[in-house]
């Protein structure tokens, strides 16, 4: 019905009809488990003492806040964390745990509008279930990894754990001096303190809490020659030989993404790290993509065609997120489907350009066909559906978000033409760089490009 109308009245009408069904997110004021947008973080610093051989860690955080209203009470996220002294501009705060990982902070006096500094000391256990900041033991050695998406940053440190709060971060990690530690961006300074070293990382570009990443352990690494930005394949001890294929494939795939977007890779480095215990296939953390080790590490002398295709697909999918998801981030989880659909769509397109002999268009066809099978079930849910603050966001990571969403984007490209689709995307990135956007913002640039394409 919508599609037939669009043929008669133009692409902008078609997109407007789609947008009516997918654009408006639930406002925080209507959701008691969302944070107040009138009190928002501007920057956040984390100082963590991390030792993989231990079971707990300590830290402090300093968060610069902007208050756009006068109040003596505000909320942030911290779930299962032992919170110590908390102050706002030196004034002690009373903290009370609430639902969904929310913490209420109350001051004795009213806090006026303006900029204020929140400081919190905390202690926490390393997770052992692959979420938040978690510990892995393999072959007699201990490692630390992170998985913050969708809402596990709040289990690792106090923060504003919603994608709409996109800010610069500054990490400082104190670790045993014999270990490697990596994070979203390169180390800016190293200071040795007896048996430990203090690593100060530079200020990150703006990013939401779910993209904060770090890893600590006796890692080994091989460089990625020819990648547009510095990067390495990182593995647990003794596995570097299995990272050679990924190191060979990554540069050409990243270069093809840069050509398609017409924009350089937006972050100062791009490491790829293989994780021996990982709940997902991969995660697009800024500058430090994490992968299930079986996907990233392959024996170049004994690898099946499907495994090689899988490696190329996952590399391209995660690197595409550096633009769609990281440079421009969804405002709220209602648009997660678009984030994942776009990366899947780009993976098929770019992988096919770099390796036409591997017939990625067939893989894309089977992905969409699989989603079609789920789409006819009586229990099917919309590809885009609203989420509230206390909902299980894992439900959004389904075959329809990836496969059906991929088909929708292919339909739009086919309607307005590949050149106009590509131009609309670049306009979207330029307009929304380092910020947040909704699906309606993308539909708007496609509608504009589509109407320009009409005779």
Protein backbone atom coordinates (compact mmCIF):
# COMPACT_ATOMS: atom_id res chain seq x y z
CA UNK A 1 0.00 0.00 0.00
CA UNK A 2 2.62 2.57 1.00
CA UNK A 3 4.87 1.57 -1.88
CA UNK A 4 2.14 2.01 -4.50
CA UNK A 5 1.33 5.48 -3.19
CA UNK A 6 4.98 6.47 -3.36
CA UNK A 7 5.10 5.66 -7.06
CA UNK A 8 2.46 8.26 -7.78
CA UNK A 9 3.46 11.03 -5.42
CA UNK A 10 7.22 10.78 -5.10
CA UNK A 11 9.86 9.37 -2.87
CA UNK A 12 9.54 11.95 -0.10
CA UNK A 13 5.92 10.87 0.50
CA UNK A 14 6.98 7.24 0.67
CA UNK A 15 9.74 8.03 3.15
CA UNK A 16 7.39 10.22 5.21
CA UNK A 17 5.00 7.29 5.49
CA UNK A 18 7.81 5.01 6.63
CA UNK A 19 9.09 7.62 9.07
CA UNK A 20 5.66 7.99 10.65
CA UNK A 21 5.99 4.38 11.71
CA UNK A 22 9.58 4.50 12.92
CA UNK A 23 10.78 7.92 13.96
CA UNK A 24 9.37 9.10 17.27
CA UNK A 25 11.12 7.71 20.34
CA UNK A 26 9.56 7.65 23.79
CA UNK A 27 10.47 10.84 25.53
CA UNK A 28 12.32 10.49 28.84
CA UNK A 29 9.67 12.53 30.64
CA UNK A 30 7.19 9.74 29.85
CA UNK A 31 9.49 6.98 31.08
CA UNK A 32 10.38 6.80 34.78
CA UNK A 33 13.35 4.55 33.98
CA UNK A 34 15.02 7.06 31.65
CA UNK A 35 17.43 9.77 32.78
CA UNK A 36 16.46 13.44 32.88
CA UNK A 37 17.82 15.17 29.72
CA UNK A 38 17.94 18.49 31.60
CA UNK A 39 20.93 17.16 33.56
CA UNK A 40 23.52 15.80 31.20
CA UNK A 41 27.20 14.88 31.22
CA UNK A 42 29.66 16.97 29.21
CA UNK A 43 32.83 14.91 29.74
CA UNK A 44 33.79 11.91 31.88
CA UNK A 45 37.13 10.70 33.23
CA UNK A 46 37.72 7.16 34.53
CA UNK A 47 40.73 6.18 36.66
CA UNK A 48 40.80 2.40 37.20
CA UNK A 49 43.22 0.06 39.01
CA UNK A 50 43.05 -3.23 37.10
CA UNK A 51 44.82 -6.53 37.73
CA UNK A 52 43.52 -9.62 35.90
CA UNK A 53 44.85 -11.86 38.70
CA UNK A 54 42.49 -10.17 41.19
CA UNK A 55 38.73 -10.60 41.47
CA UNK A 56 37.90 -6.97 42.22
CA UNK A 57 38.97 -3.51 41.08
CA UNK A 58 38.75 0.05 42.33
CA UNK A 59 38.22 3.30 40.54
CA UNK A 60 37.19 6.91 40.61
CA UNK A 61 35.24 8.90 38.07
CA UNK A 62 34.93 12.63 37.47
CA UNK A 63 31.93 13.72 35.41
CA UNK A 64 31.39 17.32 34.35
CA UNK A 65 27.65 17.95 34.33
CA UNK A 66 25.47 20.65 32.84
CA UNK A 67 22.33 21.43 34.84
CA UNK A 68 19.61 23.13 32.83
CA UNK A 69 17.29 23.27 35.82
CA UNK A 70 17.61 23.94 39.55
CA UNK A 71 17.24 20.83 41.71
CA UNK A 72 18.68 19.08 44.74
CA UNK A 73 18.29 15.59 43.24
CA UNK A 74 19.39 13.85 40.04
CA UNK A 75 19.99 10.30 38.80
CA UNK A 76 22.73 8.34 37.05
CA UNK A 77 23.46 4.67 36.33
CA UNK A 78 25.46 2.31 38.56
CA UNK A 79 24.30 -1.29 38.89
CA UNK A 80 25.76 -3.71 41.41
CA UNK A 81 28.73 -1.39 42.11
CA UNK A 82 29.91 -0.57 45.63
CA UNK A 83 29.76 3.23 45.59
CA UNK A 84 31.97 5.12 47.99
CA UNK A 85 32.22 8.85 48.61
CA UNK A 86 30.25 10.91 46.09
CA UNK A 87 30.43 14.69 45.89
CA UNK A 88 29.13 17.45 43.65
CA UNK A 89 31.39 20.50 43.71
CA UNK A 90 32.73 19.15 47.01
CA UNK A 91 29.27 18.81 48.58
CA UNK A 92 28.59 15.25 49.82
CA UNK A 93 25.71 13.45 48.11
CA UNK A 94 23.36 10.85 49.58
CA UNK A 95 22.99 7.93 47.15
CA UNK A 96 20.00 5.59 46.88
CA UNK A 97 19.78 2.58 44.52
CA UNK A 98 16.65 2.34 42.37
CA UNK A 99 15.31 0.07 39.63
CA UNK A 100 17.09 -0.71 36.34
CA UNK A 101 20.51 0.24 37.65
CA UNK A 102 19.50 3.82 38.47
CA UNK A 103 20.97 5.67 41.45
CA UNK A 104 19.38 8.76 42.96
CA UNK A 105 21.82 11.40 44.23
CA UNK A 106 20.49 13.94 46.73
CA UNK A 107 22.24 17.13 47.86
CA UNK A 108 21.51 19.05 51.05
CA UNK A 109 21.11 22.29 49.08
CA UNK A 110 19.53 23.15 45.75
CA UNK A 111 21.93 22.97 42.82
CA UNK A 112 21.53 25.86 40.41
CA UNK A 113 21.77 25.75 36.62
CA UNK A 114 25.27 25.69 35.19
CA UNK A 115 28.31 23.42 35.18
CA UNK A 116 29.09 21.14 38.12
CA UNK A 117 31.66 18.44 38.90
CA UNK A 118 30.50 15.02 40.12
CA UNK A 119 33.17 12.79 41.70
CA UNK A 120 32.56 9.20 42.79
CA UNK A 121 34.86 6.53 44.24
CA UNK A 122 33.84 2.91 43.75
CA UNK A 123 34.81 -0.75 44.09
CA UNK A 124 33.51 -3.56 41.94
CA UNK A 125 33.87 -7.26 41.18
CA UNK A 126 35.01 -8.34 37.76
CA UNK A 127 32.10 -9.93 35.94
CA UNK A 128 32.50 -13.57 34.89
CA UNK A 129 29.58 -13.78 32.46
CA UNK A 130 30.97 -11.84 29.50
CA UNK A 131 29.27 -8.54 30.30
CA UNK A 132 30.54 -5.19 31.57
CA UNK A 133 34.19 -5.37 32.64
CA UNK A 134 34.85 -9.10 32.85
CA UNK A 135 37.59 -11.59 33.59
CA UNK A 136 38.60 -14.58 31.46
CA UNK A 137 41.08 -17.30 32.35
CA UNK A 138 42.51 -19.38 29.51
CA UNK A 139 45.55 -21.66 29.37
CA UNK A 140 46.62 -20.59 32.84
CA UNK A 141 46.58 -16.85 32.14
CA UNK A 142 44.05 -14.18 33.18
CA UNK A 143 42.70 -11.40 30.98
CA UNK A 144 40.20 -8.55 31.23
CA UNK A 145 37.77 -7.58 28.46
CA UNK A 146 34.68 -5.39 28.14
CA UNK A 147 31.24 -5.71 26.56
CA UNK A 148 29.10 -2.67 27.33
CA UNK A 149 26.32 -2.85 24.72
CA UNK A 150 23.48 -2.49 25.28
CA UNK A 151 23.31 -1.50 28.98
CA UNK A 152 26.26 -3.04 30.80
CA UNK A 153 28.48 0.03 31.10
CA UNK A 154 26.43 0.77 34.23
CA UNK A 155 27.67 -2.50 35.73
CA UNK A 156 31.32 -1.47 35.22
CA UNK A 157 31.37 2.16 36.39
CA UNK A 158 28.96 5.01 37.26
CA UNK A 159 27.80 6.76 34.09
CA UNK A 160 24.92 8.13 32.03
CA UNK A 161 24.24 4.84 30.25
CA UNK A 162 22.00 5.93 27.38
CA UNK A 163 23.15 6.36 23.75
CA UNK A 164 21.81 9.92 23.60
CA UNK A 165 24.45 11.05 26.11
CA UNK A 166 27.42 11.14 23.75
CA UNK A 167 30.52 12.71 25.30
CA UNK A 168 34.34 12.72 25.27
CA UNK A 169 35.98 10.26 27.67
CA UNK A 170 39.42 10.20 29.26
CA UNK A 171 40.66 6.84 30.57
CA UNK A 172 43.54 6.17 32.95
CA UNK A 173 44.45 2.55 33.71
CA UNK A 174 46.90 1.38 36.36
CA UNK A 175 47.96 -2.21 35.60
CA UNK A 176 50.84 -4.61 36.37
CA UNK A 177 53.86 -3.37 34.42
CA UNK A 178 54.37 -6.66 32.58
CA UNK A 179 50.90 -6.60 30.98
CA UNK A 180 49.49 -5.01 27.86
CA UNK A 181 46.53 -2.65 28.18
CA UNK A 182 44.54 -1.24 25.28
CA UNK A 183 41.54 1.06 25.03
CA UNK A 184 39.59 3.08 22.49
CA UNK A 185 42.43 5.39 21.54
CA UNK A 186 46.25 5.31 21.80
CA UNK A 187 48.17 5.79 25.04
CA UNK A 188 49.18 9.42 25.54
CA UNK A 189 51.55 8.84 28.47
CA UNK A 190 53.04 5.96 30.50
CA UNK A 191 54.35 6.29 34.05
CA UNK A 192 55.99 3.44 35.98
CA UNK A 193 55.08 3.03 39.65
CA UNK A 194 57.08 0.15 41.14
CA UNK A 195 55.49 -3.07 39.92
CA UNK A 196 52.72 -1.19 38.11
CA UNK A 197 52.40 1.29 35.29
CA UNK A 198 49.90 4.08 34.85
CA UNK A 199 48.61 4.49 31.31
CA UNK A 200 46.94 7.77 30.44
CA UNK A 201 44.91 7.67 27.25
CA UNK A 202 44.07 10.76 25.30
CA UNK A 203 40.67 12.39 25.22
CA UNK A 204 38.32 10.42 22.99
CA UNK A 205 36.00 11.94 20.42
CA UNK A 206 32.39 12.03 21.65
CA UNK A 207 30.97 8.54 22.14
CA UNK A 208 28.22 6.91 24.22
CA UNK A 209 28.98 4.71 27.21
CA UNK A 210 28.19 1.49 25.31
CA UNK A 211 31.26 2.04 23.10
CA UNK A 212 33.79 2.43 25.94
CA UNK A 213 36.26 -0.46 25.70
CA UNK A 214 39.46 -1.70 27.29
CA UNK A 215 41.42 -4.94 27.65
CA UNK A 216 44.27 -5.97 29.94
CA UNK A 217 46.46 -9.07 29.86
CA UNK A 218 49.57 -10.75 28.44
CA UNK A 219 48.43 -10.08 24.87
CA UNK A 220 50.43 -10.70 21.74
CA UNK A 221 49.96 -8.62 18.61
CA UNK A 222 50.77 -8.41 14.94
CA UNK A 223 50.62 -5.11 13.03
CA UNK A 224 48.18 -4.46 10.22
CA UNK A 225 50.33 -3.11 7.37
CA UNK A 226 48.60 -0.72 5.00
CA UNK A 227 45.58 0.06 7.18
CA UNK A 228 44.48 3.70 6.87
CA UNK A 229 45.05 4.24 10.60
CA UNK A 230 47.41 2.40 12.96
CA UNK A 231 46.09 -0.96 14.11
CA UNK A 232 46.96 -4.46 15.27
CA UNK A 233 45.45 -7.90 15.58
CA UNK A 234 45.58 -8.68 19.32
CA UNK A 235 45.30 -12.22 20.68
CA UNK A 236 45.82 -14.11 23.90
CA UNK A 237 49.27 -15.63 24.28
CA UNK A 238 50.34 -18.02 21.53
CA UNK A 239 47.62 -17.26 18.97
CA UNK A 240 49.13 -14.55 16.74
CA UNK A 241 49.81 -16.92 13.81
CA UNK A 242 46.04 -17.30 13.44
CA UNK A 243 45.57 -13.54 13.02
CA UNK A 244 47.47 -13.19 9.75
CA UNK A 245 44.46 -13.58 7.48
CA UNK A 246 42.54 -10.85 9.32
CA UNK A 247 45.59 -8.57 9.11
CA UNK A 248 45.72 -9.15 5.35
CA UNK A 249 42.01 -8.53 4.75
CA UNK A 250 41.35 -5.49 6.99
CA UNK A 251 43.25 -2.76 5.05
CA UNK A 252 41.48 -3.26 1.71
CA UNK A 253 38.06 -3.50 3.35
CA UNK A 254 38.61 -0.31 5.38
CA UNK A 255 39.89 1.52 2.28
CA UNK A 256 36.78 0.46 0.35
CA UNK A 257 34.55 1.78 3.15
CA UNK A 258 36.39 5.11 3.10
CA UNK A 259 35.90 5.38 -0.66
CA UNK A 260 32.22 4.59 -0.43
CA UNK A 261 31.51 7.05 2.38
CA UNK A 262 33.78 9.72 0.93
CA UNK A 263 35.06 10.29 4.48
CA UNK A 264 38.22 9.00 6.19
CA UNK A 265 38.06 6.59 9.11
CA UNK A 266 37.02 8.96 11.92
CA UNK A 267 39.12 7.66 14.83
CA UNK A 268 42.90 7.72 15.47
CA UNK A 269 43.43 3.94 15.54
CA UNK A 270 41.65 0.67 14.84
CA UNK A 271 42.68 -2.49 16.70
CA UNK A 272 40.97 -5.87 16.32
CA UNK A 273 41.09 -8.16 19.36
CA UNK A 274 40.18 -11.85 19.59
CA UNK A 275 38.31 -12.78 22.78
CA UNK A 276 38.21 -16.42 23.97
CA UNK A 277 34.91 -16.01 25.84
CA UNK A 278 32.50 -13.73 24.01
CA UNK A 279 28.71 -13.73 24.05
CA UNK A 280 28.30 -12.20 20.59
CA UNK A 281 29.97 -12.45 17.20
CA UNK A 282 31.71 -9.08 17.44
CA UNK A 283 31.32 -5.58 18.91
CA UNK A 284 32.12 -2.30 17.17
CA UNK A 285 33.84 -0.47 20.05
CA UNK A 286 35.51 2.74 18.90
CA UNK A 287 39.10 1.92 17.97
CA UNK A 288 39.02 -1.53 19.61
CA UNK A 289 36.70 -4.00 17.90
CA UNK A 290 36.21 -7.22 19.87
CA UNK A 291 35.51 -10.56 18.16
CA UNK A 292 34.67 -14.10 19.14
CA UNK A 293 38.10 -15.66 18.64
CA UNK A 294 36.84 -18.38 16.31
CA UNK A 295 35.63 -15.73 13.86
CA UNK A 296 38.79 -13.60 13.80
CA UNK A 297 41.51 -16.25 14.13
CA UNK A 298 41.79 -18.64 11.20
CA UNK A 299 44.47 -20.99 9.97
CA UNK A 300 45.36 -19.59 6.54
CA UNK A 301 46.54 -23.03 5.46
CA UNK A 302 43.37 -24.85 6.46
CA UNK A 303 40.35 -22.54 6.21
CA UNK A 304 37.05 -23.31 4.50
CA UNK A 305 35.43 -20.94 2.03
CA UNK A 306 32.57 -20.24 4.42
CA UNK A 307 34.99 -19.37 7.26
CA UNK A 308 36.85 -16.94 5.02
CA UNK A 309 33.58 -15.37 3.90
CA UNK A 310 32.56 -15.10 7.55
CA UNK A 311 35.80 -13.35 8.49
CA UNK A 312 35.47 -10.83 5.66
CA UNK A 313 31.81 -10.19 6.46
CA UNK A 314 32.34 -9.62 10.18
CA UNK A 315 35.37 -7.36 9.60
CA UNK A 316 33.40 -5.21 7.16
CA UNK A 317 30.25 -5.15 9.29
CA UNK A 318 32.09 -3.94 12.39
CA UNK A 319 34.25 -1.41 10.53
CA UNK A 320 31.14 0.03 8.81
CA UNK A 321 29.87 0.83 12.31
CA UNK A 322 32.79 3.26 12.75
CA UNK A 323 30.71 5.62 10.62
CA UNK A 324 27.14 4.39 11.10
CA UNK A 325 26.76 3.97 14.85
CA UNK A 326 29.99 5.52 16.12
CA UNK A 327 30.54 8.74 14.15
CA UNK A 328 26.76 9.17 14.09
CA UNK A 329 24.96 7.38 16.93
CA UNK A 330 21.30 6.48 17.39
CA UNK A 331 19.43 8.72 19.81
CA UNK A 332 17.71 5.76 21.48
CA UNK A 333 17.49 1.98 21.18
CA UNK A 334 14.35 2.17 19.02
CA UNK A 335 16.71 2.64 16.08
CA UNK A 336 19.08 -0.22 16.89
CA UNK A 337 17.58 -2.18 13.99
CA UNK A 338 18.76 0.51 11.58
CA UNK A 339 22.24 0.54 13.11
CA UNK A 340 22.63 -3.21 12.58
CA UNK A 341 20.77 -3.36 9.28
CA UNK A 342 23.02 -0.72 7.79
CA UNK A 343 26.22 -2.47 8.87
CA UNK A 344 24.93 -5.76 7.41
CA UNK A 345 23.93 -4.06 4.16
CA UNK A 346 27.33 -2.36 3.89
CA UNK A 347 29.16 -5.59 4.66
CA UNK A 348 27.55 -7.32 1.70
CA UNK A 349 28.17 -4.39 -0.64
CA UNK A 350 31.80 -3.69 0.32
CA UNK A 351 32.86 -7.31 0.71
CA UNK A 352 31.45 -7.95 -2.75
CA UNK A 353 33.43 -5.04 -4.19
CA UNK A 354 36.72 -6.18 -2.67
CA UNK A 355 36.17 -9.90 -3.33
CA UNK A 356 33.75 -10.34 -6.26
CA UNK A 357 34.99 -13.91 -6.70
CA UNK A 358 33.49 -14.90 -3.33
CA UNK A 359 29.91 -14.13 -4.45
CA UNK A 360 28.77 -12.21 -1.38
CA UNK A 361 25.53 -11.33 -3.16
CA UNK A 362 24.50 -14.96 -2.65
CA UNK A 363 25.26 -14.75 1.06
CA UNK A 364 23.16 -11.58 1.23
CA UNK A 365 20.30 -13.34 -0.53
CA UNK A 366 20.32 -16.20 1.96
CA UNK A 367 20.40 -13.74 4.87
CA UNK A 368 17.32 -11.93 3.60
CA UNK A 369 15.58 -15.21 2.80
CA UNK A 370 16.18 -16.39 6.36
CA UNK A 371 14.66 -13.17 7.72
CA UNK A 372 11.67 -13.64 5.39
CA UNK A 373 11.02 -17.01 6.94
CA UNK A 374 10.83 -15.47 10.40
CA UNK A 375 8.75 -12.56 9.11
CA UNK A 376 5.78 -14.81 8.26
CA UNK A 377 5.51 -16.32 11.75
CA UNK A 378 2.37 -15.40 13.76
CA UNK A 379 4.55 -14.22 16.65
CA UNK A 380 6.63 -11.83 14.51
CA UNK A 381 7.36 -8.38 15.90
CA UNK A 382 7.92 -5.16 13.91
CA UNK A 383 11.45 -4.61 12.64
CA UNK A 384 11.40 -1.37 14.57
CA UNK A 385 9.62 -1.27 17.90
CA UNK A 386 9.70 1.10 20.87
CA UNK A 387 11.75 0.30 23.96
CA UNK A 388 11.51 1.76 27.43
CA UNK A 389 14.27 2.18 29.99
CA UNK A 390 13.60 -1.07 31.81
CA UNK A 391 13.02 -3.29 28.77
CA UNK A 392 15.18 -6.23 27.71
CA UNK A 393 17.09 -4.65 24.84
CA UNK A 394 18.57 -7.98 23.77
CA UNK A 395 15.24 -8.57 22.03
CA UNK A 396 16.24 -5.97 19.45
CA UNK A 397 19.17 -8.10 18.24
CA UNK A 398 17.21 -10.52 16.06
CA UNK A 399 17.29 -11.77 12.48
CA UNK A 400 14.73 -9.19 11.38
CA UNK A 401 16.83 -6.27 12.62
CA UNK A 402 19.73 -7.52 10.54
CA UNK A 403 18.18 -9.33 7.58
CA UNK A 404 14.85 -7.55 7.00
CA UNK A 405 16.47 -4.21 7.73
CA UNK A 406 19.14 -5.02 5.16
CA UNK A 407 16.40 -5.72 2.60
CA UNK A 408 14.66 -2.41 3.39
CA UNK A 409 17.86 -0.46 2.74
CA UNK A 410 18.40 -2.34 -0.51
CA UNK A 411 14.85 -1.42 -1.55
CA UNK A 412 15.51 2.27 -0.86
CA UNK A 413 18.77 2.19 -2.81
CA UNK A 414 16.98 0.54 -5.70
CA UNK A 415 14.27 3.20 -5.65
CA UNK A 416 16.41 6.34 -5.63
CA UNK A 417 19.47 4.85 -7.34
CA UNK A 418 22.88 3.90 -5.97
CA UNK A 419 24.46 7.29 -6.66
CA UNK A 420 21.72 9.24 -4.89
CA UNK A 421 21.70 6.77 -2.00
CA UNK A 422 25.45 7.22 -1.56
CA UNK A 423 25.18 11.01 -1.76
CA UNK A 424 22.37 11.01 0.80
CA UNK A 425 24.46 8.96 3.21
CA UNK A 426 27.39 11.35 2.97
CA UNK A 427 25.04 14.26 3.63
CA UNK A 428 23.70 12.41 6.68
CA UNK A 429 27.21 11.90 8.08
CA UNK A 430 28.26 15.49 7.47
CA UNK A 431 25.11 16.87 9.09
CA UNK A 432 25.27 14.63 12.18
CA UNK A 433 29.00 13.93 12.72
CA UNK A 434 29.96 13.35 16.37
CA UNK A 435 26.34 13.59 17.41
CA UNK A 436 23.13 11.58 17.61
CA UNK A 437 20.43 11.12 15.02
CA UNK A 438 17.10 9.37 14.58
CA UNK A 439 15.89 7.24 11.71
CA UNK A 440 13.82 10.20 10.55
CA UNK A 441 17.04 12.16 9.93
CA UNK A 442 18.24 9.45 7.55
CA UNK A 443 14.85 9.20 5.84
CA UNK A 444 14.94 12.97 5.32
CA UNK A 445 18.23 12.93 3.39
CA UNK A 446 17.07 9.94 1.36
CA UNK A 447 13.78 11.70 0.62
CA UNK A 448 15.67 14.77 -0.55
CA UNK A 449 17.99 12.68 -2.70
CA UNK A 450 15.04 10.68 -4.06
CA UNK A 451 13.03 13.74 -5.05
CA UNK A 452 16.11 15.24 -6.70
CA UNK A 453 16.38 12.04 -8.75
CA UNK A 454 12.81 12.28 -10.10
CA UNK A 455 12.39 13.59 -13.67
